[in-house]
Amino acid sequence: MSDHPDAAAPVELLVCTTCRRGQPTDEDGPRPGARLHEALSRRPLPAGVRLRPVECLSNCDSGCSVVFRGGPARWTYVYGNFHEETDADMIADVVARYHATTDGLVPWRERPVHFRKNCIARIPPQGDF
């Protein structure tokens, strides 16, 4: 992790609230993705990390999905296969590590195995046009 001043740049943690983990859902109750968002909203996140609900990341059958993104200098990551009841602490920890970087690259060995094995997409920084 970095103590570089740019590490304080804002980061978004997007959580798909329509994710259903490939399971049938009760139309009257919240979907697993919405429950994951709620669980994350109860966790302490670093100042500068904004938790944001979004609809459909098109990964519907592969668990709950989240995105880490943070401005034009950071890589963006889409991760999946999360469980709403057990993974919120792990997500909060890794987004804090992501936030502490200037480029979004958390060293491989500092990522939990779940994050190493469930990366859906890695999108390069936007950079200058």
C-alpha atoms as a PDB file:
ATOM      1  CA  MET A   1       0.000   0.000   0.000  1.00  0.00           C
ATOM      2  CA  SER A   2       1.087   3.553  -0.616  1.00  0.00           C
ATOM      3  CA  ASP A   3       1.320   6.651   1.534  1.00  0.00           C
ATOM      4  CA  HIS A   4       1.486   8.768  -1.626  1.00  0.00           C
ATOM      5  CA  PRO A   5      -0.777  11.866  -1.462  1.00  0.00           C
ATOM      6  CA  ASP A   6      -2.694  10.751  -4.569  1.00  0.00           C
ATOM      7  CA  ALA A   7      -3.852   7.711  -2.622  1.00  0.00           C
ATOM      8  CA  ALA A   8      -6.483   9.964  -1.039  1.00  0.00           C
ATOM      9  CA  ALA A   9      -8.223  10.442  -4.412  1.00  0.00           C
ATOM     10  CA  PRO A  10     -11.884   9.377  -4.286  1.00  0.00           C
ATOM     11  CA  VAL A  11     -12.805   5.752  -4.960  1.00  0.00           C
ATOM     12  CA  GLU A  12     -16.187   4.228  -5.722  1.00  0.00           C
ATOM     13  CA  LEU A  13     -17.321   0.824  -4.525  1.00  0.00           C
ATOM     14  CA  LEU A  14     -20.214  -0.107  -6.784  1.00  0.00           C
ATOM     15  CA  VAL A  15     -22.456  -2.969  -5.685  1.00  0.00           C
ATOM     16  CA  CYS A  16     -24.943  -4.606  -8.016  1.00  0.00           C
ATOM     17  CA  THR A  17     -28.227  -4.598  -6.112  1.00  0.00           C
ATOM     18  CA  THR A  18     -30.024  -6.818  -8.628  1.00  0.00           C
ATOM     19  CA  CYS A  19     -27.584  -9.747  -8.285  1.00  0.00           C
ATOM     20  CA  ARG A  20     -29.358 -12.923  -7.323  1.00  0.00           C
ATOM     21  CA  ARG A  21     -26.399 -15.355  -7.066  1.00  0.00           C
ATOM     22  CA  GLY A  22     -28.022 -17.575  -9.702  1.00  0.00           C
ATOM     23  CA  GLN A  23     -30.824 -18.423  -7.302  1.00  0.00           C
ATOM     24  CA  PRO A  24     -34.562 -17.924  -7.601  1.00  0.00           C
ATOM     25  CA  THR A  25     -35.585 -14.911  -5.567  1.00  0.00           C
ATOM     26  CA  ASP A  26     -38.614 -13.971  -3.586  1.00  0.00           C
ATOM     27  CA  GLU A  27     -40.027 -11.024  -5.494  1.00  0.00           C
ATOM     28  CA  ASP A  28     -41.161  -9.450  -2.211  1.00  0.00           C
ATOM     29  CA  GLY A  29     -37.755  -9.550  -0.533  1.00  0.00           C
ATOM     30  CA  PRO A  30     -34.432  -7.915  -1.294  1.00  0.00           C
ATOM     31  CA  ARG A  31     -32.095  -9.742  -3.648  1.00  0.00           C
ATOM     32  CA  PRO A  32     -28.719 -10.992  -2.424  1.00  0.00           C
ATOM     33  CA  GLY A  33     -26.974  -8.039  -4.127  1.00  0.00           C
ATOM     34  CA  ALA A  34     -29.150  -5.551  -2.262  1.00  0.00           C
ATOM     35  CA  ARG A  35     -28.409  -7.375   0.988  1.00  0.00           C
ATOM     36  CA  LEU A  36     -24.664  -7.211   0.221  1.00  0.00           C
ATOM     37  CA  HIS A  37     -24.964  -3.457  -0.359  1.00  0.00           C
ATOM     38  CA  GLU A  38     -26.773  -3.096   2.963  1.00  0.00           C
ATOM     39  CA  ALA A  39     -24.112  -5.175   4.768  1.00  0.00           C
ATOM     40  CA  LEU A  40     -21.374  -2.989   3.282  1.00  0.00           C
ATOM     41  CA  SER A  41     -23.208   0.173   4.325  1.00  0.00           C
ATOM     42  CA  ARG A  42     -22.790  -0.983   7.953  1.00  0.00           C
ATOM     43  CA  ARG A  43     -19.010  -1.419   7.586  1.00  0.00           C
ATOM     44  CA  PRO A  44     -16.461   1.326   8.187  1.00  0.00           C
ATOM     45  CA  LEU A  45     -14.951   2.404   4.874  1.00  0.00           C
ATOM     46  CA  PRO A  46     -12.055   4.834   4.498  1.00  0.00           C
ATOM     47  CA  ALA A  47     -12.865   8.498   4.009  1.00  0.00           C
ATOM     48  CA  GLY A  48     -12.933   8.985   0.272  1.00  0.00           C
ATOM     49  CA  VAL A  49     -14.566   5.620  -0.526  1.00  0.00           C
ATOM     50  CA  ARG A  50     -18.097   6.104  -1.752  1.00  0.00           C
ATOM     51  CA  LEU A  51     -20.420   3.087  -1.591  1.00  0.00           C
ATOM     52  CA  ARG A  52     -22.896   3.218  -4.446  1.00  0.00           C
ATOM     53  CA  PRO A  53     -25.736   0.859  -5.435  1.00  0.00           C
ATOM     54  CA  VAL A  54     -26.056   0.109  -9.147  1.00  0.00           C
ATOM     55  CA  GLU A  55     -28.405  -2.044 -11.179  1.00  0.00           C
ATOM     56  CA  CYS A  56     -27.171  -5.017 -13.142  1.00  0.00           C
ATOM     57  CA  LEU A  57     -23.507  -5.592 -13.846  1.00  0.00           C
ATOM     58  CA  SER A  58     -24.506  -8.459 -16.203  1.00  0.00           C
ATOM     59  CA  ASN A  59     -22.947 -11.155 -14.037  1.00  0.00           C
ATOM     60  CA  CYS A  60     -26.259 -12.482 -12.747  1.00  0.00           C
ATOM     61  CA  ASP A  61     -25.469 -16.165 -12.325  1.00  0.00           C
ATOM     62  CA  SER A  62     -22.031 -15.755 -10.756  1.00  0.00           C
ATOM     63  CA  GLY A  63     -22.746 -14.519  -7.267  1.00  0.00           C
ATOM     64  CA  CYS A  64     -22.943 -10.924  -6.156  1.00  0.00           C
ATOM     65  CA  SER A  65     -20.705  -8.505  -8.070  1.00  0.00           C
ATOM     66  CA  VAL A  66     -18.825  -5.347  -7.113  1.00  0.00           C
ATOM     67  CA  VAL A  67     -16.668  -2.782  -8.911  1.00  0.00           C
ATOM     68  CA  PHE A  68     -13.716  -0.797  -7.593  1.00  0.00           C
ATOM     69  CA  ARG A  69     -12.965   2.363  -9.579  1.00  0.00           C
ATOM     70  CA  GLY A  70     -11.139   5.547  -8.813  1.00  0.00           C
ATOM     71  CA  GLY A  71     -10.471   8.225 -11.359  1.00  0.00           C
ATOM     72  CA  PRO A  72      -8.362   8.366 -14.502  1.00  0.00           C
ATOM     73  CA  ALA A  73      -5.099   7.085 -12.943  1.00  0.00           C
ATOM     74  CA  ARG A  74      -6.431   3.880 -11.350  1.00  0.00           C
ATOM     75  CA  TRP A  75      -7.250   0.497 -12.829  1.00  0.00           C
ATOM     76  CA  THR A  76     -10.923  -0.486 -12.481  1.00  0.00           C
ATOM     77  CA  TYR A  77     -11.830  -3.996 -11.324  1.00  0.00           C
ATOM     78  CA  VAL A  78     -15.050  -6.022 -11.514  1.00  0.00           C
ATOM     79  CA  TYR A  79     -15.230  -8.923  -9.048  1.00  0.00           C
ATOM     80  CA  GLY A  80     -17.899 -11.568  -8.572  1.00  0.00           C
ATOM     81  CA  ASN A  81     -19.042 -14.621  -6.642  1.00  0.00           C
ATOM     82  CA  PHE A  82     -19.544 -12.821  -3.349  1.00  0.00           C
ATOM     83  CA  HIS A  83     -21.996 -13.941  -0.706  1.00  0.00           C
ATOM     84  CA  GLU A  84     -24.060 -11.271   0.971  1.00  0.00           C
ATOM     85  CA  GLU A  85     -23.859 -12.850   4.432  1.00  0.00           C
ATOM     86  CA  THR A  86     -20.162 -13.662   4.661  1.00  0.00           C
ATOM     87  CA  ASP A  87     -18.068 -11.429   2.380  1.00  0.00           C
ATOM     88  CA  ALA A  88     -18.749  -7.802   3.363  1.00  0.00           C
ATOM     89  CA  ASP A  89     -15.761  -7.551   5.740  1.00  0.00           C
ATOM     90  CA  MET A  90     -13.404  -8.969   3.106  1.00  0.00           C
ATOM     91  CA  ILE A  91     -14.699  -6.515   0.472  1.00  0.00           C
ATOM     92  CA  ALA A  92     -14.334  -3.575   2.882  1.00  0.00           C
ATOM     93  CA  ASP A  93     -10.748  -4.607   3.624  1.00  0.00           C
ATOM     94  CA  VAL A  94      -9.760  -4.904  -0.031  1.00  0.00           C
ATOM     95  CA  VAL A  95     -11.427  -1.650  -1.102  1.00  0.00           C
ATOM     96  CA  ALA A  96      -9.411   0.061   1.666  1.00  0.00           C
ATOM     97  CA  ARG A  97      -6.244  -1.440   0.158  1.00  0.00           C
ATOM     98  CA  TYR A  98      -7.350  -0.313  -3.327  1.00  0.00           C
ATOM     99  CA  HIS A  99      -8.001   3.196  -1.988  1.00  0.00           C
ATOM    100  CA  ALA A 100      -4.491   3.314  -0.506  1.00  0.00           C
ATOM    101  CA  THR A 101      -2.917   2.877  -3.958  1.00  0.00           C
ATOM    102  CA  THR A 102      -2.330   5.563  -6.564  1.00  0.00           C
ATOM    103  CA  ASP A 103      -2.911   3.228  -9.511  1.00  0.00           C
ATOM    104  CA  GLY A 104      -5.437   0.685  -8.208  1.00  0.00           C
ATOM    105  CA  LEU A 105      -2.913  -2.140  -8.223  1.00  0.00           C
ATOM    106  CA  VAL A 106      -3.082  -3.990  -4.924  1.00  0.00           C
ATOM    107  CA  PRO A 107      -0.129  -6.397  -4.835  1.00  0.00           C
ATOM    108  CA  TRP A 108      -1.192  -9.942  -5.764  1.00  0.00           C
ATOM    109  CA  ARG A 109      -0.148 -11.503  -2.463  1.00  0.00           C
ATOM    110  CA  GLU A 110      -2.056  -8.839  -0.483  1.00  0.00           C
ATOM    111  CA  ARG A 111      -5.339  -9.840  -2.134  1.00  0.00           C
ATOM    112  CA  PRO A 112      -7.443 -12.558  -0.511  1.00  0.00           C
ATOM    113  CA  VAL A 113      -7.684 -15.738  -2.601  1.00  0.00           C
ATOM    114  CA  HIS A 114     -11.292 -14.896  -3.430  1.00  0.00           C
ATOM    115  CA  PHE A 115     -10.179 -11.707  -5.188  1.00  0.00           C
ATOM    116  CA  ARG A 116      -7.405 -13.533  -7.042  1.00  0.00           C
ATOM    117  CA  LYS A 117      -9.796 -16.153  -8.400  1.00  0.00           C
ATOM    118  CA  ASN A 118     -12.936 -14.093  -9.061  1.00  0.00           C
ATOM    119  CA  CYS A 119     -11.840 -11.121 -11.132  1.00  0.00           C
ATOM    120  CA  ILE A 120     -14.435 -10.687 -13.883  1.00  0.00           C
ATOM    121  CA  ALA A 121     -12.693  -7.760 -15.602  1.00  0.00           C
ATOM    122  CA  ARG A 122      -9.672  -5.528 -15.200  1.00  0.00           C
ATOM    123  CA  ILE A 123      -9.993  -2.214 -17.050  1.00  0.00           C
ATOM    124  CA  PRO A 124      -6.947   0.004 -17.653  1.00  0.00           C
ATOM    125  CA  PRO A 125      -6.820   3.571 -16.374  1.00  0.00           C
ATOM    126  CA  GLN A 126      -8.529   6.133 -18.548  1.00  0.00           C
ATOM    127  CA  GLY A 127      -5.370   8.229 -18.754  1.00  0.00           C
ATOM    128  CA  ASP A 128      -5.026  11.422 -20.751  1.00  0.00           C
ATOM    129  CA  PHE A 129      -6.757  11.895 -24.065  1.00  0.00           C
END
